[in-house]
Amino acid sequence: MRIREKGEPGVNGGPRGDLLVEVNVSRHPIFQRQDMHIFSTVPISFAQAAIGADIRIKTVDGEVLYNVKPGTKTDTKVRLKGKGVPSLRNSQVRGDHYVTLVIQTPEHLSQEAKEALRRFDELTGNTLGTASESDSEPKSGKKKKGFMDKVKEAFDD
């Protein structure tokens, strides 16, 4: 950045030089900036994503209450209009704050929490990957044909 006539005095009484200032801005741990827009990532729980919840999102001006809709998927993008950086040319204009909602998977679960998840899995018709070979067979009793079986059949004809 150049600041005119604030540098060293000129030689033999000449005009002062310009002062050159270098500004380094370090990364923020939460926010990334692109022009007038702010970007951030907010973790939410599976329960908040599945049934919906009110969450607090940090912005450059403080916290904002946001309603997570039921059935929200991970990497859902949310736009908080007017919550970005103010314009230098017009104080009435602001950028937006874009938030990516990320569903966090817990790493450590209590036995009670594991049982609750198993019960949830059963209620939704899943079996936590314990499907047997008989589960993959059609109801007619015949074994399902795989890709290689179909290729062999094509050459047998």
C-alpha atoms as a PDB file:
ATOM      1  CA  MET A   1       0.000   0.000   0.000  1.00  0.00           C
ATOM      2  CA  ARG A   2       1.380   3.418  -0.932  1.00  0.00           C
ATOM      3  CA  ILE A   3       0.976   6.466   1.326  1.00  0.00           C
ATOM      4  CA  ARG A   4       1.964   9.566  -0.639  1.00  0.00           C
ATOM      5  CA  GLU A   5       4.503  12.044   0.757  1.00  0.00           C
ATOM      6  CA  LYS A   6       4.884  10.249   4.111  1.00  0.00           C
ATOM      7  CA  GLY A   7       8.268   8.709   3.372  1.00  0.00           C
ATOM      8  CA  GLU A   8      11.827  10.022   3.840  1.00  0.00           C
ATOM      9  CA  PRO A   9      12.512  13.746   3.254  1.00  0.00           C
ATOM     10  CA  GLY A  10      13.771  14.594  -0.215  1.00  0.00           C
ATOM     11  CA  VAL A  11      17.412  15.456  -0.989  1.00  0.00           C
ATOM     12  CA  ASN A  12      18.328  19.188  -0.762  1.00  0.00           C
ATOM     13  CA  GLY A  13      14.878  20.186   0.516  1.00  0.00           C
ATOM     14  CA  GLY A  14      12.961  18.203  -2.121  1.00  0.00           C
ATOM     15  CA  PRO A  15       9.474  16.763  -1.486  1.00  0.00           C
ATOM     16  CA  ARG A  16       9.060  13.787   0.820  1.00  0.00           C
ATOM     17  CA  GLY A  17       8.960  10.349  -0.755  1.00  0.00           C
ATOM     18  CA  ASP A  18       6.136   7.851  -0.564  1.00  0.00           C
ATOM     19  CA  LEU A  19       5.821   5.377   2.297  1.00  0.00           C
ATOM     20  CA  LEU A  20       5.277   1.810   1.117  1.00  0.00           C
ATOM     21  CA  VAL A  21       3.455  -0.411   3.619  1.00  0.00           C
ATOM     22  CA  GLU A  22       3.240  -4.185   3.223  1.00  0.00           C
ATOM     23  CA  VAL A  23       0.277  -5.855   4.947  1.00  0.00           C
ATOM     24  CA  ASN A  24       0.205  -9.593   5.652  1.00  0.00           C
ATOM     25  CA  VAL A  25      -3.108 -11.097   6.715  1.00  0.00           C
ATOM     26  CA  SER A  26      -2.931 -14.462   8.460  1.00  0.00           C
ATOM     27  CA  ARG A  27      -5.477 -17.230   7.931  1.00  0.00           C
ATOM     28  CA  HIS A  28      -8.495 -17.302  10.198  1.00  0.00           C
ATOM     29  CA  PRO A  29      -9.172 -20.658  11.904  1.00  0.00           C
ATOM     30  CA  ILE A  30     -12.892 -20.627  10.980  1.00  0.00           C
ATOM     31  CA  PHE A  31     -13.495 -18.258   8.055  1.00  0.00           C
ATOM     32  CA  GLN A  32     -12.126 -18.091   4.526  1.00  0.00           C
ATOM     33  CA  ARG A  33     -12.639 -14.954   2.469  1.00  0.00           C
ATOM     34  CA  GLN A  34     -13.129 -14.610  -1.271  1.00  0.00           C
ATOM     35  CA  ASP A  35     -13.789 -11.021  -2.359  1.00  0.00           C
ATOM     36  CA  MET A  36     -16.771  -9.863  -0.259  1.00  0.00           C
ATOM     37  CA  HIS A  37     -17.944 -13.392   0.586  1.00  0.00           C
ATOM     38  CA  ILE A  38     -17.104 -15.477   3.655  1.00  0.00           C
ATOM     39  CA  PHE A  39     -16.981 -19.297   3.673  1.00  0.00           C
ATOM     40  CA  SER A  40     -17.045 -21.656   6.652  1.00  0.00           C
ATOM     41  CA  THR A  41     -17.846 -25.249   7.591  1.00  0.00           C
ATOM     42  CA  VAL A  42     -20.161 -26.142  10.473  1.00  0.00           C
ATOM     43  CA  PRO A  43     -20.363 -29.666  11.915  1.00  0.00           C
ATOM     44  CA  ILE A  44     -23.799 -31.028  12.843  1.00  0.00           C
ATOM     45  CA  SER A  45     -24.832 -34.325  14.401  1.00  0.00           C
ATOM     46  CA  PHE A  46     -26.688 -37.115  12.606  1.00  0.00           C
ATOM     47  CA  ALA A  47     -29.739 -36.449  14.794  1.00  0.00           C
ATOM     48  CA  GLN A  48     -29.738 -32.733  13.901  1.00  0.00           C
ATOM     49  CA  ALA A  49     -29.520 -33.626  10.196  1.00  0.00           C
ATOM     50  CA  ALA A  50     -32.181 -36.345  10.350  1.00  0.00           C
ATOM     51  CA  ILE A  51     -34.906 -34.631  12.385  1.00  0.00           C
ATOM     52  CA  GLY A  52     -33.906 -30.977  12.033  1.00  0.00           C
ATOM     53  CA  ALA A  53     -32.707 -28.528  14.667  1.00  0.00           C
ATOM     54  CA  ASP A  54     -31.952 -24.898  15.402  1.00  0.00           C
ATOM     55  CA  ILE A  55     -28.183 -24.331  15.423  1.00  0.00           C
ATOM     56  CA  ARG A  56     -25.970 -21.309  16.014  1.00  0.00           C
ATOM     57  CA  ILE A  57     -23.615 -20.352  13.185  1.00  0.00           C
ATOM     58  CA  LYS A  58     -20.671 -18.044  13.865  1.00  0.00           C
ATOM     59  CA  THR A  59     -20.364 -15.118  11.447  1.00  0.00           C
ATOM     60  CA  VAL A  60     -17.954 -12.171  11.356  1.00  0.00           C
ATOM     61  CA  ASP A  61     -20.619 -10.108  13.182  1.00  0.00           C
ATOM     62  CA  GLY A  62     -21.532 -12.697  15.838  1.00  0.00           C
ATOM     63  CA  GLU A  63     -23.804 -15.729  15.949  1.00  0.00           C
ATOM     64  CA  VAL A  64     -26.867 -16.334  13.773  1.00  0.00           C
ATOM     65  CA  LEU A  65     -29.645 -18.829  14.525  1.00  0.00           C
ATOM     66  CA  TYR A  66     -30.281 -21.195  11.590  1.00  0.00           C
ATOM     67  CA  ASN A  67     -32.956 -23.880  11.257  1.00  0.00           C
ATOM     68  CA  VAL A  68     -31.552 -27.142   9.856  1.00  0.00           C
ATOM     69  CA  LYS A  69     -34.303 -28.819   7.827  1.00  0.00           C
ATOM     70  CA  PRO A  70     -35.147 -32.495   8.512  1.00  0.00           C
ATOM     71  CA  GLY A  71     -33.324 -34.841   6.120  1.00  0.00           C
ATOM     72  CA  THR A  72     -30.363 -32.499   5.549  1.00  0.00           C
ATOM     73  CA  LYS A  73     -27.486 -34.249   3.738  1.00  0.00           C
ATOM     74  CA  THR A  74     -23.792 -33.776   4.467  1.00  0.00           C
ATOM     75  CA  ASP A  75     -22.086 -31.021   2.420  1.00  0.00           C
ATOM     76  CA  THR A  76     -25.340 -29.044   2.189  1.00  0.00           C
ATOM     77  CA  LYS A  77     -24.568 -25.411   1.288  1.00  0.00           C
ATOM     78  CA  VAL A  78     -26.358 -22.607   3.149  1.00  0.00           C
ATOM     79  CA  ARG A  79     -26.311 -18.922   2.150  1.00  0.00           C
ATOM     80  CA  LEU A  80     -26.564 -16.284   4.857  1.00  0.00           C
ATOM     81  CA  LYS A  81     -27.406 -13.219   2.787  1.00  0.00           C
ATOM     82  CA  GLY A  82     -25.682  -9.992   3.775  1.00  0.00           C
ATOM     83  CA  LYS A  83     -23.465 -11.624   6.428  1.00  0.00           C
ATOM     84  CA  GLY A  84     -20.206 -11.286   4.484  1.00  0.00           C
ATOM     85  CA  VAL A  85     -17.679  -8.460   4.207  1.00  0.00           C
ATOM     86  CA  PRO A  86     -18.923  -4.873   3.707  1.00  0.00           C
ATOM     87  CA  SER A  87     -17.999  -3.158   0.449  1.00  0.00           C
ATOM     88  CA  LEU A  88     -15.320  -0.467   0.690  1.00  0.00           C
ATOM     89  CA  ARG A  89     -17.115   1.613  -1.942  1.00  0.00           C
ATOM     90  CA  ASN A  90     -20.664   1.374  -0.581  1.00  0.00           C
ATOM     91  CA  SER A  91     -21.327   0.675   3.100  1.00  0.00           C
ATOM     92  CA  GLN A  92     -24.883  -0.411   2.239  1.00  0.00           C
ATOM     93  CA  VAL A  93     -23.593  -3.415   0.254  1.00  0.00           C
ATOM     94  CA  ARG A  94     -22.299  -6.591   1.906  1.00  0.00           C
ATOM     95  CA  GLY A  95     -21.204  -9.964   0.648  1.00  0.00           C
ATOM     96  CA  ASP A  96     -22.775 -13.235   1.744  1.00  0.00           C
ATOM     97  CA  HIS A  97     -21.630 -15.914   4.170  1.00  0.00           C
ATOM     98  CA  TYR A  98     -21.701 -19.421   2.682  1.00  0.00           C
ATOM     99  CA  VAL A  99     -21.801 -22.299   5.173  1.00  0.00           C
ATOM    100  CA  THR A 100     -21.204 -25.977   4.409  1.00  0.00           C
ATOM    101  CA  LEU A 101     -23.032 -28.274   6.844  1.00  0.00           C
ATOM    102  CA  VAL A 102     -21.072 -31.472   7.507  1.00  0.00           C
ATOM    103  CA  ILE A 103     -22.574 -34.413   9.390  1.00  0.00           C
ATOM    104  CA  GLN A 104     -20.114 -35.670  11.984  1.00  0.00           C
ATOM    105  CA  THR A 105     -19.839 -39.379  12.679  1.00  0.00           C
ATOM    106  CA  PRO A 106     -19.048 -40.116  16.323  1.00  0.00           C
ATOM    107  CA  GLU A 107     -15.829 -42.057  16.915  1.00  0.00           C
ATOM    108  CA  HIS A 108     -16.542 -43.276  20.443  1.00  0.00           C
ATOM    109  CA  LEU A 109     -19.991 -44.540  21.418  1.00  0.00           C
ATOM    110  CA  SER A 110     -21.265 -45.885  24.709  1.00  0.00           C
ATOM    111  CA  GLN A 111     -22.876 -49.325  24.721  1.00  0.00           C
ATOM    112  CA  GLU A 112     -26.262 -47.652  25.154  1.00  0.00           C
ATOM    113  CA  ALA A 113     -25.673 -45.435  22.104  1.00  0.00           C
ATOM    114  CA  LYS A 114     -24.607 -48.466  20.026  1.00  0.00           C
ATOM    115  CA  GLU A 115     -27.788 -50.314  20.994  1.00  0.00           C
ATOM    116  CA  ALA A 116     -29.888 -47.278  20.091  1.00  0.00           C
ATOM    117  CA  LEU A 117     -28.230 -47.147  16.647  1.00  0.00           C
ATOM    118  CA  ARG A 118     -28.766 -50.885  16.107  1.00  0.00           C
ATOM    119  CA  ARG A 119     -32.433 -50.449  17.012  1.00  0.00           C
ATOM    120  CA  PHE A 120     -32.695 -47.457  14.655  1.00  0.00           C
ATOM    121  CA  ASP A 121     -31.085 -49.520  11.883  1.00  0.00           C
ATOM    122  CA  GLU A 122     -33.624 -52.312  12.396  1.00  0.00           C
ATOM    123  CA  LEU A 123     -36.530 -49.848  12.409  1.00  0.00           C
ATOM    124  CA  THR A 124     -35.390 -48.410   9.067  1.00  0.00           C
ATOM    125  CA  GLY A 125     -35.113 -51.871   7.468  1.00  0.00           C
ATOM    126  CA  ASN A 126     -31.329 -52.211   7.478  1.00  0.00           C
ATOM    127  CA  THR A 127     -29.158 -54.885   9.069  1.00  0.00           C
ATOM    128  CA  LEU A 128     -25.815 -53.096   9.663  1.00  0.00           C
ATOM    129  CA  GLY A 129     -24.088 -55.096   6.924  1.00  0.00           C
ATOM    130  CA  THR A 130     -24.963 -58.531   8.344  1.00  0.00           C
ATOM    131  CA  ALA A 131     -26.931 -59.631   5.296  1.00  0.00           C
ATOM    132  CA  SER A 132     -26.498 -63.312   4.526  1.00  0.00           C
ATOM    133  CA  GLU A 133     -26.268 -64.810   1.068  1.00  0.00           C
ATOM    134  CA  SER A 134     -29.897 -65.907   1.314  1.00  0.00           C
ATOM    135  CA  ASP A 135     -30.927 -62.252   1.773  1.00  0.00           C
ATOM    136  CA  SER A 136     -29.483 -61.416  -1.643  1.00  0.00           C
ATOM    137  CA  GLU A 137     -31.426 -64.187  -3.396  1.00  0.00           C
ATOM    138  CA  PRO A 138     -34.724 -63.304  -5.033  1.00  0.00           C
ATOM    139  CA  LYS A 139     -37.959 -64.541  -3.386  1.00  0.00           C
ATOM    140  CA  SER A 140     -38.346 -67.159  -6.148  1.00  0.00           C
ATOM    141  CA  GLY A 141     -35.564 -69.237  -4.558  1.00  0.00           C
ATOM    142  CA  LYS A 142     -33.220 -68.895  -7.543  1.00  0.00           C
ATOM    143  CA  LYS A 143     -29.776 -67.411  -7.026  1.00  0.00           C
ATOM    144  CA  LYS A 144     -29.277 -63.944  -8.501  1.00  0.00           C
ATOM    145  CA  LYS A 145     -27.068 -63.918 -11.604  1.00  0.00           C
ATOM    146  CA  GLY A 146     -23.883 -61.914 -11.319  1.00  0.00           C
ATOM    147  CA  PHE A 147     -22.101 -60.066 -14.124  1.00  0.00           C
ATOM    148  CA  MET A 148     -19.744 -62.973 -14.925  1.00  0.00           C
ATOM    149  CA  ASP A 149     -22.681 -65.436 -15.052  1.00  0.00           C
ATOM    150  CA  LYS A 150     -24.371 -63.217 -17.637  1.00  0.00           C
ATOM    151  CA  VAL A 151     -21.162 -62.985 -19.706  1.00  0.00           C
ATOM    152  CA  LYS A 152     -20.764 -66.796 -19.663  1.00  0.00           C
ATOM    153  CA  GLU A 153     -24.396 -67.212 -20.745  1.00  0.00           C
ATOM    154  CA  ALA A 154     -23.849 -64.831 -23.663  1.00  0.00           C
ATOM    155  CA  PHE A 155     -20.941 -66.954 -24.952  1.00  0.00           C
ATOM    156  CA  ASP A 156     -22.794 -70.261 -24.384  1.00  0.00           C
ATOM    157  CA  ASP A 157     -25.604 -69.208 -26.746  1.00  0.00           C
END
